[in-house]
N, C-alpha and C. Protein backbone atom coordinates (compact mmCIF):
# COMPACT_ATOMS: atom_id res chain seq x y z
N MET A 1 0.82 -1.28 -0.11
CA MET A 1 -0.13 -0.15 0.12
C MET A 1 0.82 1.20 0.29
N LYS A 2 0.76 2.33 -0.59
CA LYS A 2 1.34 3.27 -1.10
C LYS A 2 0.71 4.66 0.21
N LYS A 3 1.86 5.14 0.35
CA LYS A 3 1.70 6.36 1.63
C LYS A 3 0.54 7.06 1.37
N ALA A 4 0.33 7.80 0.33
CA ALA A 4 -0.60 8.35 -0.06
C ALA A 4 -2.04 7.68 0.06
N GLN A 5 -2.03 6.10 -0.12
CA GLN A 5 -3.46 5.50 0.20
C GLN A 5 -3.41 5.51 1.75
N ALA A 6 -2.52 5.06 2.16
CA ALA A 6 -2.50 4.86 3.78
C ALA A 6 -3.23 6.14 4.57
N MET A 7 -2.54 7.30 4.05
CA MET A 7 -3.05 8.67 4.74
C MET A 7 -4.57 8.79 4.72
N ILE A 8 -5.27 8.23 3.50
CA ILE A 8 -6.72 8.40 3.39
C ILE A 8 -7.46 7.47 4.29
N MET A 9 -7.04 6.68 4.77
CA MET A 9 -7.45 5.29 5.15
C MET A 9 -8.41 5.73 6.10
N PRO A 10 -9.76 5.43 6.18
CA PRO A 10 -10.71 5.90 7.25
C PRO A 10 -10.63 4.98 8.37
N ASN A 11 -10.35 3.82 8.31
CA ASN A 11 -10.51 2.73 9.35
C ASN A 11 -9.12 1.95 9.39
N TRP A 12 -8.32 1.99 9.97
CA TRP A 12 -6.99 1.20 10.43
C TRP A 12 -7.20 0.03 10.72
N PRO A 13 -6.44 -0.77 10.10
CA PRO A 13 -6.56 -2.40 10.56
C PRO A 13 -5.96 -2.57 11.84
N ALA A 14 -6.62 -3.50 12.52
CA ALA A 14 -6.00 -4.04 13.76
C ALA A 14 -4.48 -4.42 14.14
N ALA A 15 -3.98 -4.80 13.04
CA ALA A 15 -2.56 -5.22 12.82
C ALA A 15 -1.80 -4.63 11.53
N MET A 16 -0.71 -4.15 11.67
CA MET A 16 0.00 -3.63 10.29
C MET A 16 1.13 -3.86 9.96
N SER A 17 1.39 -3.85 8.66
CA SER A 17 2.76 -3.86 8.34
C SER A 17 3.75 -3.11 8.94
N ARG A 18 4.95 -3.21 8.50
CA ARG A 18 5.89 -2.32 8.76
C ARG A 18 5.73 -0.85 8.08
N GLU A 19 5.12 -0.85 7.07
CA GLU A 19 4.94 0.19 6.20
C GLU A 19 3.77 0.95 6.46
N LEU A 20 2.91 0.17 6.84
CA LEU A 20 1.62 1.01 7.14
C LEU A 20 1.76 1.36 8.38
N ALA A 21 2.64 0.50 9.39
CA ALA A 21 2.60 1.20 11.02
C ALA A 21 3.47 2.80 10.48
N LEU A 22 4.30 2.88 10.02
CA LEU A 22 5.02 4.02 9.54
C LEU A 22 4.01 5.20 9.12
N ALA A 23 3.39 4.86 8.29
CA ALA A 23 2.13 5.84 7.87
C ALA A 23 1.40 6.24 9.09
N TYR A 24 0.87 5.20 9.60
CA TYR A 24 -0.25 5.08 10.86
C TYR A 24 0.58 6.21 11.88
N THR A 25 1.70 5.88 12.42
CA THR A 25 2.40 6.59 13.72
C THR A 25 3.01 7.75 13.02
N GLY A 26 3.52 8.05 11.56
CA GLY A 26 4.15 9.14 11.17
C GLY A 26 5.55 9.28 11.80
N VAL A 27 5.98 8.40 12.57
CA VAL A 27 7.45 8.60 13.00
C VAL A 27 8.32 7.88 12.02
N ALA A 28 9.72 8.21 12.48
CA ALA A 28 10.66 7.89 11.31
C ALA A 28 10.96 6.34 11.64
N GLN A 29 11.69 5.68 10.61
CA GLN A 29 12.09 4.50 10.73
C GLN A 29 12.78 4.11 11.97
N CYS A 30 13.98 5.10 12.15
CA CYS A 30 14.71 4.43 13.43
C CYS A 30 13.82 4.76 14.46
N GLN A 31 12.82 5.48 14.72
CA GLN A 31 11.91 5.42 15.85
C GLN A 31 11.21 3.84 16.24
N LEU A 32 10.62 3.72 15.03
CA LEU A 32 10.20 2.40 15.07
C LEU A 32 11.11 1.10 15.10
N ARG A 33 12.26 1.43 14.43
CA ARG A 33 13.28 0.36 15.05
C ARG A 33 13.72 0.24 16.53
N GLU A 34 13.66 1.53 17.05
CA GLU A 34 13.88 1.65 18.63
C GLU A 34 12.77 1.12 19.52
N TRP A 35 11.56 1.13 19.22
CA TRP A 35 10.58 0.29 19.65
C TRP A 35 10.53 -0.97 19.68
N GLU A 36 11.21 -1.36 18.52
CA GLU A 36 11.14 -2.70 18.28
C GLU A 36 12.23 -3.63 19.39
N ARG A 37 13.42 -2.73 19.15
CA ARG A 37 14.51 -3.13 20.29
C ARG A 37 14.25 -3.04 21.68
N SER A 38 13.50 -2.20 22.06
CA SER A 38 12.97 -2.01 23.65
C SER A 38 11.92 -3.13 23.84
N GLY A 39 11.11 -3.53 22.74
CA GLY A 39 10.00 -4.60 23.07
C GLY A 39 8.81 -3.90 22.89
N ALA A 40 8.75 -2.70 22.84
CA ALA A 40 7.06 -1.86 23.10
C ALA A 40 6.40 -2.25 21.68
N ILE A 41 7.19 -2.75 20.54
CA ILE A 41 6.61 -3.07 19.41
C ILE A 41 7.22 -4.38 18.95
N ILE A 42 6.22 -5.40 18.65
CA ILE A 42 6.78 -6.76 18.22
C ILE A 42 6.03 -6.97 16.97
N PHE A 43 6.67 -7.17 15.82
CA PHE A 43 6.34 -7.76 14.55
C PHE A 43 6.46 -9.24 14.44
N LEU A 44 5.24 -9.51 14.29
CA LEU A 44 5.28 -11.38 14.09
C LEU A 44 5.05 -11.62 12.61
N PRO A 45 5.25 -12.79 12.10
CA PRO A 45 5.36 -13.25 10.69
C PRO A 45 4.06 -13.91 10.65
N ILE A 46 2.86 -13.47 10.80
CA ILE A 46 1.51 -13.90 11.13
C ILE A 46 0.63 -13.42 9.94
N GLY A 47 0.97 -12.39 9.12
CA GLY A 47 0.30 -11.92 8.10
C GLY A 47 0.06 -12.68 6.96
N PRO A 48 -0.56 -12.34 5.88
CA PRO A 48 -0.72 -12.98 4.61
C PRO A 48 0.72 -13.33 4.21
N ARG A 49 0.75 -14.54 3.86
CA ARG A 49 2.17 -14.78 3.08
C ARG A 49 3.35 -14.81 4.14
N GLY A 50 3.20 -14.76 5.40
CA GLY A 50 4.14 -14.79 6.32
C GLY A 50 4.54 -13.23 6.63
N GLN A 51 3.72 -12.20 6.03
CA GLN A 51 4.36 -10.76 6.42
C GLN A 51 4.14 -10.52 7.96
N LYS A 52 5.24 -9.83 8.51
CA LYS A 52 5.28 -9.38 9.72
C LYS A 52 4.49 -8.27 9.85
N ILE A 53 3.53 -8.38 10.94
CA ILE A 53 2.57 -7.18 11.41
C ILE A 53 2.88 -7.10 12.67
N ALA A 54 2.53 -5.80 13.23
CA ALA A 54 2.36 -5.44 14.63
C ALA A 54 0.84 -4.95 15.31
N LEU A 55 0.85 -5.21 16.36
CA LEU A 55 -0.92 -4.56 16.45
C LEU A 55 -0.87 -3.11 16.68
N ARG A 56 -2.13 -2.65 16.20
CA ARG A 56 -2.19 -1.27 16.41
C ARG A 56 -1.99 -0.59 17.48
N SER A 57 -2.82 -1.53 18.53
CA SER A 57 -2.91 -0.79 19.83
C SER A 57 -1.57 -0.84 20.71
N ALA A 58 -0.61 -1.82 19.90
CA ALA A 58 0.91 -1.55 20.56
C ALA A 58 1.33 -0.40 20.16
N LEU A 59 1.12 0.10 18.95
CA LEU A 59 1.52 1.33 18.14
C LEU A 59 1.00 2.38 19.08
N ASP A 60 -0.21 2.36 19.32
CA ASP A 60 -0.74 3.39 20.11
C ASP A 60 -0.09 3.68 21.34
N CYS A 61 0.04 2.33 22.29
CA CYS A 61 0.51 2.71 23.42
C CYS A 61 2.30 3.33 23.56
N ALA A 62 3.05 2.72 22.20
CA ALA A 62 4.24 3.39 21.83
C ALA A 62 4.15 4.88 21.71
N LEU A 63 3.24 5.40 21.07
CA LEU A 63 3.04 6.57 20.59
C LEU A 63 2.70 7.65 22.19
N ASP A 64 1.89 6.87 22.77
CA ASP A 64 1.24 7.65 23.94
C ASP A 64 2.61 7.84 24.88
N ALA A 65 3.36 6.62 25.27
CA ALA A 65 4.42 6.78 25.80
C ALA A 65 5.62 7.66 25.44
N MET A 66 5.78 7.87 23.91
CA MET A 66 6.79 8.92 23.53
C MET A 66 6.12 10.20 23.52
N PHE A 67 4.89 10.64 23.91
CA PHE A 67 4.70 11.94 24.16
C PHE A 67 4.49 12.25 25.72
N GLU A 68 4.24 11.18 26.48
CA GLU A 68 4.12 11.32 27.75
C GLU A 68 5.73 11.65 28.57
N ARG A 69 6.60 11.38 27.80
CA ARG A 69 7.93 12.17 27.90
C ARG A 69 8.28 13.48 28.18
N TYR A 70 7.46 14.17 27.30
CA TYR A 70 7.48 15.49 27.40
C TYR A 70 6.69 15.96 28.26
N ASP A 71 7.07 17.21 29.12
CA ASP A 71 6.51 17.84 30.34
C ASP A 71 5.18 18.64 29.60
N GLN A 72 4.03 18.29 30.29
CA GLN A 72 2.75 18.95 29.62
C GLN A 72 2.80 20.00 29.98
N SER A 73 3.77 20.96 30.85
CA SER A 73 3.41 22.36 31.16
C SER A 73 4.18 23.36 30.11
N ILE A 74 4.98 22.71 29.33
CA ILE A 74 5.48 23.26 28.06
C ILE A 74 4.47 24.10 27.32
N ASP A 75 4.83 25.36 27.20
CA ASP A 75 3.97 26.24 26.36
C ASP A 75 4.44 26.16 24.62
N PHE A 76 3.45 25.49 24.04
CA PHE A 76 4.00 25.26 22.47
C PHE A 76 2.78 26.55 21.66
N ASP A 77 2.79 27.84 22.66
CA ASP A 77 2.00 28.40 21.62
C ASP A 77 2.81 29.54 21.18
N PHE A 78 3.16 29.49 19.93
CA PHE A 78 3.93 30.31 19.12
C PHE A 78 3.40 31.50 18.44
N GLY A 79 2.33 32.08 19.18
CA GLY A 79 1.75 33.17 18.74
C GLY A 79 2.14 34.38 19.53
């Protein structure tokens, strides 16, 4: 699936390939690899034709944890 197609996908699947996970989260490949190294995301070869997929819920948790690292009191108002 092309990134442009993924960006307009209204209902994201419960499990995603690496390419789709990158489009869904919007993170860089190195961030996705870091999540894999830390065990936050696990890609298993259980998709069609043995394609490795990861759970959307795990991707959501990894994103939540990434944003929790930042102090919520920081003022991002650039106006």
